[in-house]
Protein backbone atom coordinates (compact mmCIF):
# COMPACT_ATOMS: atom_id res chain seq x y z
CA MET A 1 68.28 64.78 52.69
CA LEU A 2 69.11 65.59 49.03
CA LYS A 3 65.64 64.51 47.93
CA ARG A 4 64.03 66.73 50.56
CA HIS A 5 66.05 69.75 49.39
CA ALA A 6 65.31 68.99 45.73
CA GLN A 7 61.61 68.73 46.53
CA LEU A 8 61.70 72.03 48.45
CA PHE A 9 63.43 73.71 45.51
CA LEU A 10 60.83 72.31 43.04
CA THR A 11 58.04 73.54 45.27
CA VAL A 12 59.58 77.01 45.34
CA LEU A 13 59.81 76.97 41.53
CA TYR A 14 56.23 75.79 41.11
CA LEU A 15 54.90 78.45 43.50
CA GLY A 16 57.07 81.19 41.94
CA ASP A 17 56.01 80.35 38.40
CA SER A 18 52.34 80.01 39.41
CA LEU A 19 52.40 83.37 41.13
CA MET A 20 54.13 85.09 38.17
CA ILE A 21 51.61 83.66 35.67
CA LEU A 22 48.59 84.80 37.71
CA LEU A 23 50.18 88.22 38.49
CA SER A 24 51.01 88.69 34.78
CA LEU A 25 47.39 88.06 33.87
CA ARG A 26 46.24 90.52 36.52
CA ALA A 27 48.79 93.10 35.33
CA THR A 28 47.61 92.54 31.77
CA TYR A 29 44.01 93.32 32.83
CA TYR A 30 45.21 96.36 34.76
CA LEU A 31 47.25 97.77 31.86
CA ARG A 32 44.53 97.08 29.31
CA PHE A 33 41.40 98.22 31.13
CA GLU A 34 42.26 100.17 34.28
CA LEU A 35 45.31 102.12 33.03
CA GLY A 36 44.03 102.41 29.46
CA ALA A 37 47.19 101.32 27.66
CA PHE A 38 45.05 100.26 24.74
CA PRO A 39 41.73 101.81 23.63
CA VAL A 40 38.63 100.00 24.94
CA ASP A 41 35.71 99.68 22.46
CA LYS A 42 33.14 97.52 24.20
CA GLY A 43 33.34 98.63 27.80
CA ILE A 44 35.37 97.28 30.69
CA PRO A 45 34.53 93.71 31.71
CA PRO A 46 34.67 92.88 35.44
CA ILE A 47 37.93 91.28 36.69
CA GLU A 48 35.91 88.23 37.86
CA SER A 49 35.24 87.32 34.25
CA PHE A 50 38.99 86.74 33.77
CA TYR A 51 39.41 84.26 36.63
CA GLY A 52 38.58 81.37 34.31
CA TYR A 53 41.25 82.60 31.90
CA GLY A 54 43.72 82.66 34.75
CA LEU A 55 42.97 79.08 35.69
CA VAL A 56 43.33 77.86 32.08
CA ALA A 57 46.52 79.89 31.53
CA TRP A 58 48.01 78.54 34.75
CA ALA A 59 47.22 74.90 33.85
CA VAL A 60 48.57 75.25 30.30
CA PHE A 61 51.75 77.02 31.36
CA MET A 62 52.53 74.66 34.25
CA LEU A 63 51.99 71.57 32.09
CA ASN A 64 54.22 72.90 29.31
CA PHE A 65 56.91 73.99 31.76
CA LYS A 66 57.00 70.45 33.16
CA ILE A 67 57.06 68.90 29.67
CA CYS A 68 59.87 71.26 28.56
CA GLY A 69 62.01 70.32 31.59
CA LEU A 70 61.85 73.54 33.59
CA TYR A 71 61.41 71.59 36.80
CA LEU A 72 64.58 69.57 36.50
CA SER A 73 67.80 70.46 38.30
CA SER A 74 69.59 73.33 36.62
CA ARG A 75 72.70 73.19 38.84
CA GLY A 76 75.73 74.10 36.74
CA LYS A 77 73.72 75.18 33.66
CA PRO A 78 74.02 78.73 32.38
CA PHE A 79 71.13 81.15 32.77
CA TRP A 80 70.66 81.60 29.02
CA LYS A 81 69.70 77.95 28.54
CA GLU A 82 66.97 78.20 31.15
CA HIS A 83 65.77 81.50 29.68
CA PHE A 84 65.67 80.00 26.18
CA THR A 85 63.57 77.10 27.51
CA ILE A 86 61.27 79.59 29.29
CA ILE A 87 60.76 81.52 26.07
CA LYS A 88 60.16 78.35 24.05
CA SER A 89 57.66 76.93 26.55
CA THR A 90 55.93 80.29 27.01
CA ILE A 91 55.38 80.56 23.25
CA LEU A 92 54.02 77.04 23.13
CA SER A 93 51.76 77.76 26.14
CA LEU A 94 50.53 80.98 24.53
CA LEU A 95 49.68 79.17 21.29
CA ILE A 96 47.64 76.64 23.17
CA PHE A 97 46.00 79.35 25.26
CA SER A 98 45.19 81.28 22.06
CA ALA A 99 43.60 78.18 20.58
CA PHE A 100 41.45 77.91 23.74
CA LEU A 101 40.45 81.57 23.37
CA PHE A 102 39.50 81.00 19.73
CA PHE A 103 36.98 78.35 20.71
CA TYR A 104 35.77 80.00 23.92
CA ARG A 105 34.86 83.63 23.40
CA GLU A 106 32.68 84.69 26.31
CA GLN A 107 34.75 87.80 26.99
CA SER A 108 37.18 89.69 24.73
CA PHE A 109 40.81 88.70 25.11
CA SER A 110 42.34 90.61 22.22
CA ARG A 111 45.62 90.09 20.42
CA ASN A 112 47.03 93.08 22.23
CA MET A 113 46.16 91.49 25.57
CA THR A 114 47.61 88.16 24.46
CA LEU A 115 50.86 89.83 23.38
CA LEU A 116 51.05 91.85 26.59
CA PHE A 117 50.36 88.74 28.66
CA PHE A 118 53.17 86.88 26.79
CA VAL A 119 55.67 89.70 27.46
CA LEU A 120 54.75 90.12 31.11
CA SER A 121 54.65 86.41 31.92
CA THR A 122 57.94 85.68 30.14
CA LEU A 123 59.78 88.55 31.84
CA SER A 124 58.29 87.91 35.28
CA ILE A 125 59.09 84.19 35.20
CA MET A 126 62.65 84.86 34.07
CA GLY A 127 63.00 87.48 36.83
CA SER A 128 61.68 85.16 39.52
CA ARG A 129 64.03 82.36 38.30
CA ILE A 130 67.01 84.77 38.41
CA VAL A 131 66.13 85.78 42.00
CA ILE A 132 65.75 82.10 43.06
CA ARG A 133 68.98 81.02 41.40
CA ASN A 134 70.95 83.95 42.83
CA PHE A 135 69.65 83.11 46.30
CA LEU A 136 70.74 79.47 45.86
CA MET A 137 74.18 80.49 44.59
CA ALA A 138 74.63 82.80 47.61
CA LEU A 139 73.69 79.89 49.91
CA ARG A 140 76.20 77.64 48.16
CA ARG A 141 78.98 80.18 48.50
CA ARG A 142 78.33 80.07 52.25
CA GLY A 143 78.59 76.28 52.31
CA LYS A 144 74.86 75.39 52.27
CA ASN A 145 72.96 73.22 49.79
CA LEU A 146 76.10 71.45 48.60
CA ARG A 147 76.69 68.22 46.64
CA TYR A 148 79.78 66.36 47.71
CA VAL A 149 82.15 65.06 44.98
CA LEU A 150 84.72 62.27 45.11
CA ILE A 151 86.97 62.48 42.07
CA VAL A 152 88.23 59.11 40.78
CA GLY A 153 91.85 59.16 39.60
CA VAL A 154 94.48 61.84 39.64
CA ASN A 155 95.32 62.92 36.11
CA ASN A 156 95.12 66.08 33.95
CA LEU A 157 91.35 65.76 33.50
CA SER A 158 90.66 65.28 37.22
CA ARG A 159 92.96 68.23 38.08
CA GLU A 160 91.03 70.45 35.63
CA LEU A 161 87.70 69.29 37.08
CA ALA A 162 88.91 70.00 40.61
CA ARG A 163 90.17 73.44 39.57
CA ARG A 164 86.78 74.35 37.99
CA ILE A 165 84.89 73.18 41.04
CA ASP A 166 87.14 75.26 43.28
CA GLN A 167 86.77 78.34 41.10
CA ASN A 168 82.97 78.11 41.01
CA PRO A 169 81.67 77.62 44.56
CA GLU A 170 78.26 78.96 43.52
CA MET A 171 77.63 75.73 41.59
CA GLY A 172 77.26 73.95 44.89
CA PHE A 173 79.89 71.19 44.56
CA LYS A 174 82.45 70.42 47.28
CA ILE A 175 85.35 68.06 46.71
CA ILE A 176 85.86 65.56 49.52
CA GLY A 177 88.94 63.96 47.98
CA PHE A 178 90.49 61.95 45.20
CA LEU A 179 90.24 58.20 44.85
CA ASP A 180 93.52 56.77 43.55
CA ASP A 181 96.45 54.56 44.54
CA PRO A 182 98.90 56.32 46.81
CA PRO A 183 101.50 57.73 46.53
CA ILE A 184 100.29 60.44 44.18
CA LYS A 185 102.00 63.71 43.46
CA LEU A 186 99.41 66.43 43.89
CA ASP A 187 99.69 70.00 42.73
CA PRO A 188 100.34 72.42 45.61
CA TRP A 189 96.79 73.82 45.54
CA MET A 190 95.36 70.28 45.74
CA LYS A 191 97.18 69.34 48.99
CA SER A 192 94.09 70.22 51.08
CA TYR A 193 92.22 67.22 49.58
CA PRO A 194 92.95 63.74 50.81
CA VAL A 195 93.87 60.91 48.45
CA LEU A 196 91.81 57.88 49.34
CA GLY A 197 93.11 54.60 48.10
């Protein structure tokens, strides 16, 4: 069951990131050539000529995201760590993509377009990840997509762990009890958890 949910979550991340990369490339083309955000010197190339760029960009980004660990569980990790990893892997992907563009120059993909693509892809991937994580946290607050925790021992550390789990239901952990030798004196707020011995 947990593996199936984890696989579903990874599939959603893969699809979300893929969509954001391809949409960012399309938005870059739109802003550069159709909206005229930057002056065009050599005419407007057809959008079809950029499909190859999209495929290469997608492959480079997805491989770097996997290598940088963006498709591992981020349960309990703060947003800023994931965002930092996204920025780091996007920069690395863009450097590799720029090297590809240096050797393959059938159509013009200027520095302005590269910079615009970097900004759009980074922001859109971060935005999609925020939406996905907020959706998961809302599910967890409602008791869905939970991981069950059995805390071994009843001491100050285990009490603090239980308090933090109780205070942060969006992390998706649910305490099923404590494992210790009875009789144990529990704090009043801990009485709802059984002591299994």
